[in-house]
């Protein structure tokens, strides 16, 4: 992505470009306004479908996990 930026465009920091996904936020007790459900999700660097909670997490035994 950095190579595709137009000339004279500031390059983003490498930390911004790290792969990340949104995961369900287990710490939320209640969401008063479902029109804004942003509290239900949080960004986690290097989370993906094989490692849903952190890079070393696994999905084994979570067939019926929400």
N, C-alpha and C. Protein backbone atom coordinates (compact mmCIF):
# COMPACT_ATOMS: atom_id res chain seq x y z
N UNK A 1 0.82 -1.19 0.00
CA UNK A 1 0.00 0.00 0.00
C UNK A 1 0.87 1.26 0.00
N UNK A 2 1.95 1.24 0.75
CA UNK A 2 2.80 2.42 0.80
C UNK A 2 3.37 2.76 -0.57
N UNK A 3 3.62 1.76 -1.40
CA UNK A 3 4.19 1.99 -2.72
C UNK A 3 3.18 2.64 -3.67
N UNK A 4 1.90 2.52 -3.38
CA UNK A 4 0.87 3.03 -4.28
C UNK A 4 0.44 4.46 -3.98
N UNK A 5 0.97 5.04 -2.94
CA UNK A 5 0.59 6.41 -2.58
C UNK A 5 1.14 7.40 -3.59
N UNK A 6 0.39 8.46 -3.87
CA UNK A 6 0.90 9.50 -4.76
C UNK A 6 2.12 10.19 -4.14
N UNK A 7 2.93 10.77 -4.99
CA UNK A 7 4.10 11.50 -4.50
C UNK A 7 3.66 12.59 -3.53
N UNK A 8 4.53 12.89 -2.59
CA UNK A 8 4.31 13.94 -1.58
C UNK A 8 3.19 13.60 -0.60
N UNK A 9 2.73 12.38 -0.59
CA UNK A 9 1.73 11.96 0.39
C UNK A 9 2.46 11.36 1.58
N UNK A 10 2.15 11.81 2.79
CA UNK A 10 2.83 11.24 3.95
C UNK A 10 2.54 9.74 4.07
N UNK A 11 3.57 8.98 4.37
CA UNK A 11 3.41 7.53 4.49
C UNK A 11 2.84 7.20 5.87
N UNK A 12 1.85 6.28 5.94
CA UNK A 12 1.31 5.89 7.25
C UNK A 12 2.32 5.05 8.02
N UNK A 13 2.21 5.08 9.32
CA UNK A 13 3.09 4.28 10.18
C UNK A 13 2.81 2.80 9.97
N UNK A 14 3.82 1.98 10.12
CA UNK A 14 3.66 0.53 9.96
C UNK A 14 2.62 -0.03 10.94
N UNK A 15 2.53 0.55 12.13
CA UNK A 15 1.59 0.03 13.13
C UNK A 15 0.13 0.20 12.68
N UNK A 16 -0.14 1.20 11.86
CA UNK A 16 -1.50 1.42 11.36
C UNK A 16 -1.85 0.37 10.31
N UNK A 17 -0.85 -0.12 9.61
CA UNK A 17 -1.09 -1.06 8.51
C UNK A 17 -1.07 -2.52 8.93
N UNK A 18 -0.88 -2.80 10.22
CA UNK A 18 -0.89 -4.19 10.67
C UNK A 18 -2.27 -4.78 10.47
N UNK A 19 -2.35 -6.06 10.07
CA UNK A 19 -3.66 -6.68 9.89
C UNK A 19 -4.40 -6.77 11.21
N UNK A 20 -5.67 -6.45 11.17
CA UNK A 20 -6.50 -6.49 12.39
C UNK A 20 -7.94 -6.79 12.01
N UNK A 21 -8.70 -7.26 12.95
CA UNK A 21 -10.11 -7.55 12.75
C UNK A 21 -10.90 -7.12 13.96
N UNK A 22 -12.18 -6.99 13.76
CA UNK A 22 -13.05 -6.68 14.88
C UNK A 22 -13.50 -7.99 15.50
N UNK A 23 -13.46 -8.03 16.83
CA UNK A 23 -13.94 -9.20 17.55
C UNK A 23 -15.00 -8.75 18.55
N UNK A 24 -15.83 -9.69 18.97
CA UNK A 24 -16.89 -9.39 19.92
C UNK A 24 -16.29 -8.99 21.25
N UNK A 25 -16.78 -7.91 21.84
CA UNK A 25 -16.30 -7.41 23.11
C UNK A 25 -17.08 -8.07 24.24
N UNK A 26 -16.47 -9.01 24.94
CA UNK A 26 -17.15 -9.75 26.01
C UNK A 26 -17.40 -8.89 27.25
N UNK A 27 -16.73 -7.75 27.36
CA UNK A 27 -16.83 -6.91 28.55
C UNK A 27 -18.07 -6.02 28.57
N UNK A 28 -18.84 -6.01 27.50
CA UNK A 28 -20.02 -5.15 27.43
C UNK A 28 -21.18 -5.83 28.14
N UNK A 29 -21.78 -5.13 29.11
CA UNK A 29 -22.92 -5.67 29.84
C UNK A 29 -24.24 -5.33 29.16
N UNK A 30 -24.32 -4.12 28.61
CA UNK A 30 -25.59 -3.67 28.05
C UNK A 30 -25.33 -2.64 26.96
N UNK A 31 -26.12 -2.72 25.92
CA UNK A 31 -26.07 -1.71 24.87
C UNK A 31 -27.45 -1.06 24.82
N UNK A 32 -27.51 0.19 25.23
CA UNK A 32 -28.79 0.88 25.32
C UNK A 32 -29.35 1.24 23.95
N UNK A 33 -28.48 1.55 23.01
CA UNK A 33 -28.93 2.00 21.71
C UNK A 33 -28.37 1.06 20.64
N UNK A 34 -29.20 0.20 20.09
CA UNK A 34 -28.73 -0.74 19.08
C UNK A 34 -28.47 -0.07 17.72
N UNK A 35 -28.85 1.20 17.57
CA UNK A 35 -28.49 1.93 16.36
C UNK A 35 -26.99 2.20 16.32
N UNK A 36 -26.37 2.21 17.49
CA UNK A 36 -24.92 2.40 17.59
C UNK A 36 -24.36 1.21 18.37
N UNK A 37 -24.01 0.15 17.67
CA UNK A 37 -23.52 -1.05 18.36
C UNK A 37 -22.00 -1.11 18.39
N UNK A 38 -21.34 0.02 18.30
CA UNK A 38 -19.88 0.04 18.27
C UNK A 38 -19.25 -0.48 19.56
N UNK A 39 -19.98 -0.43 20.67
CA UNK A 39 -19.45 -0.94 21.93
C UNK A 39 -19.35 -2.47 21.92
N UNK A 40 -20.07 -3.12 21.02
CA UNK A 40 -20.06 -4.58 20.97
C UNK A 40 -18.79 -5.14 20.35
N UNK A 41 -18.04 -4.31 19.66
CA UNK A 41 -16.88 -4.78 18.92
C UNK A 41 -15.63 -4.04 19.33
N UNK A 42 -14.49 -4.70 19.22
CA UNK A 42 -13.21 -4.03 19.46
C UNK A 42 -12.21 -4.54 18.43
N UNK A 43 -11.23 -3.72 18.11
CA UNK A 43 -10.20 -4.08 17.14
C UNK A 43 -9.11 -4.86 17.84
N UNK A 44 -8.66 -5.92 17.20
CA UNK A 44 -7.55 -6.70 17.75
C UNK A 44 -6.57 -6.99 16.62
N UNK A 45 -5.33 -6.60 16.84
CA UNK A 45 -4.29 -6.81 15.83
C UNK A 45 -4.02 -8.30 15.68
N UNK A 46 -3.93 -8.75 14.45
CA UNK A 46 -3.62 -10.11 14.06
C UNK A 46 -4.69 -11.13 14.46
N UNK A 47 -5.88 -10.70 14.79
CA UNK A 47 -6.98 -11.65 15.03
C UNK A 47 -7.55 -12.05 13.68
N UNK A 48 -7.96 -13.31 13.55
CA UNK A 48 -8.59 -13.78 12.33
C UNK A 48 -9.46 -14.99 12.66
N UNK A 49 -10.08 -15.61 11.70
CA UNK A 49 -11.02 -16.68 11.97
C UNK A 49 -10.34 -17.91 12.57
N UNK A 50 -9.06 -18.11 12.32
CA UNK A 50 -8.35 -19.23 12.93
C UNK A 50 -7.87 -18.92 14.33
N UNK A 51 -7.66 -17.65 14.61
CA UNK A 51 -7.17 -17.19 15.92
C UNK A 51 -8.08 -16.04 16.36
N UNK A 52 -9.28 -16.35 16.84
CA UNK A 52 -10.31 -15.33 17.03
C UNK A 52 -10.07 -14.35 18.18
N UNK A 53 -9.28 -14.70 19.17
CA UNK A 53 -9.12 -13.82 20.32
C UNK A 53 -7.75 -13.18 20.40
N UNK A 54 -6.76 -13.84 19.85
CA UNK A 54 -5.39 -13.34 19.84
C UNK A 54 -4.59 -14.26 18.92
N UNK A 55 -3.37 -13.90 18.57
CA UNK A 55 -2.63 -14.71 17.61
C UNK A 55 -2.44 -16.18 18.01
N UNK A 56 -2.36 -16.49 19.27
CA UNK A 56 -2.14 -17.89 19.67
C UNK A 56 -3.40 -18.61 20.11
N UNK A 57 -4.55 -17.98 20.01
CA UNK A 57 -5.80 -18.65 20.40
C UNK A 57 -6.19 -19.67 19.33
N UNK A 58 -7.04 -20.59 19.71
CA UNK A 58 -7.46 -21.65 18.79
C UNK A 58 -8.99 -21.73 18.76
N UNK A 59 -9.52 -22.43 17.77
CA UNK A 59 -10.97 -22.58 17.66
C UNK A 59 -11.44 -23.96 18.09
N UNK A 60 -10.53 -24.85 18.45
CA UNK A 60 -10.92 -26.19 18.86
C UNK A 60 -11.83 -26.13 20.08
N UNK A 61 -12.92 -26.93 20.03
CA UNK A 61 -13.88 -26.96 21.13
C UNK A 61 -14.84 -25.79 21.16
N UNK A 62 -14.84 -24.97 20.14
CA UNK A 62 -15.71 -23.79 20.10
C UNK A 62 -16.71 -23.89 18.95
N UNK A 63 -17.16 -25.09 18.66
CA UNK A 63 -18.12 -25.28 17.56
C UNK A 63 -19.42 -24.52 17.79
N UNK A 64 -19.87 -24.43 19.03
CA UNK A 64 -21.12 -23.73 19.35
C UNK A 64 -20.86 -22.41 20.07
N UNK A 65 -19.68 -21.90 19.93
CA UNK A 65 -19.30 -20.64 20.57
C UNK A 65 -19.89 -19.48 19.79
N UNK A 66 -20.39 -18.44 20.50
CA UNK A 66 -21.01 -17.33 19.74
C UNK A 66 -20.08 -16.60 18.81
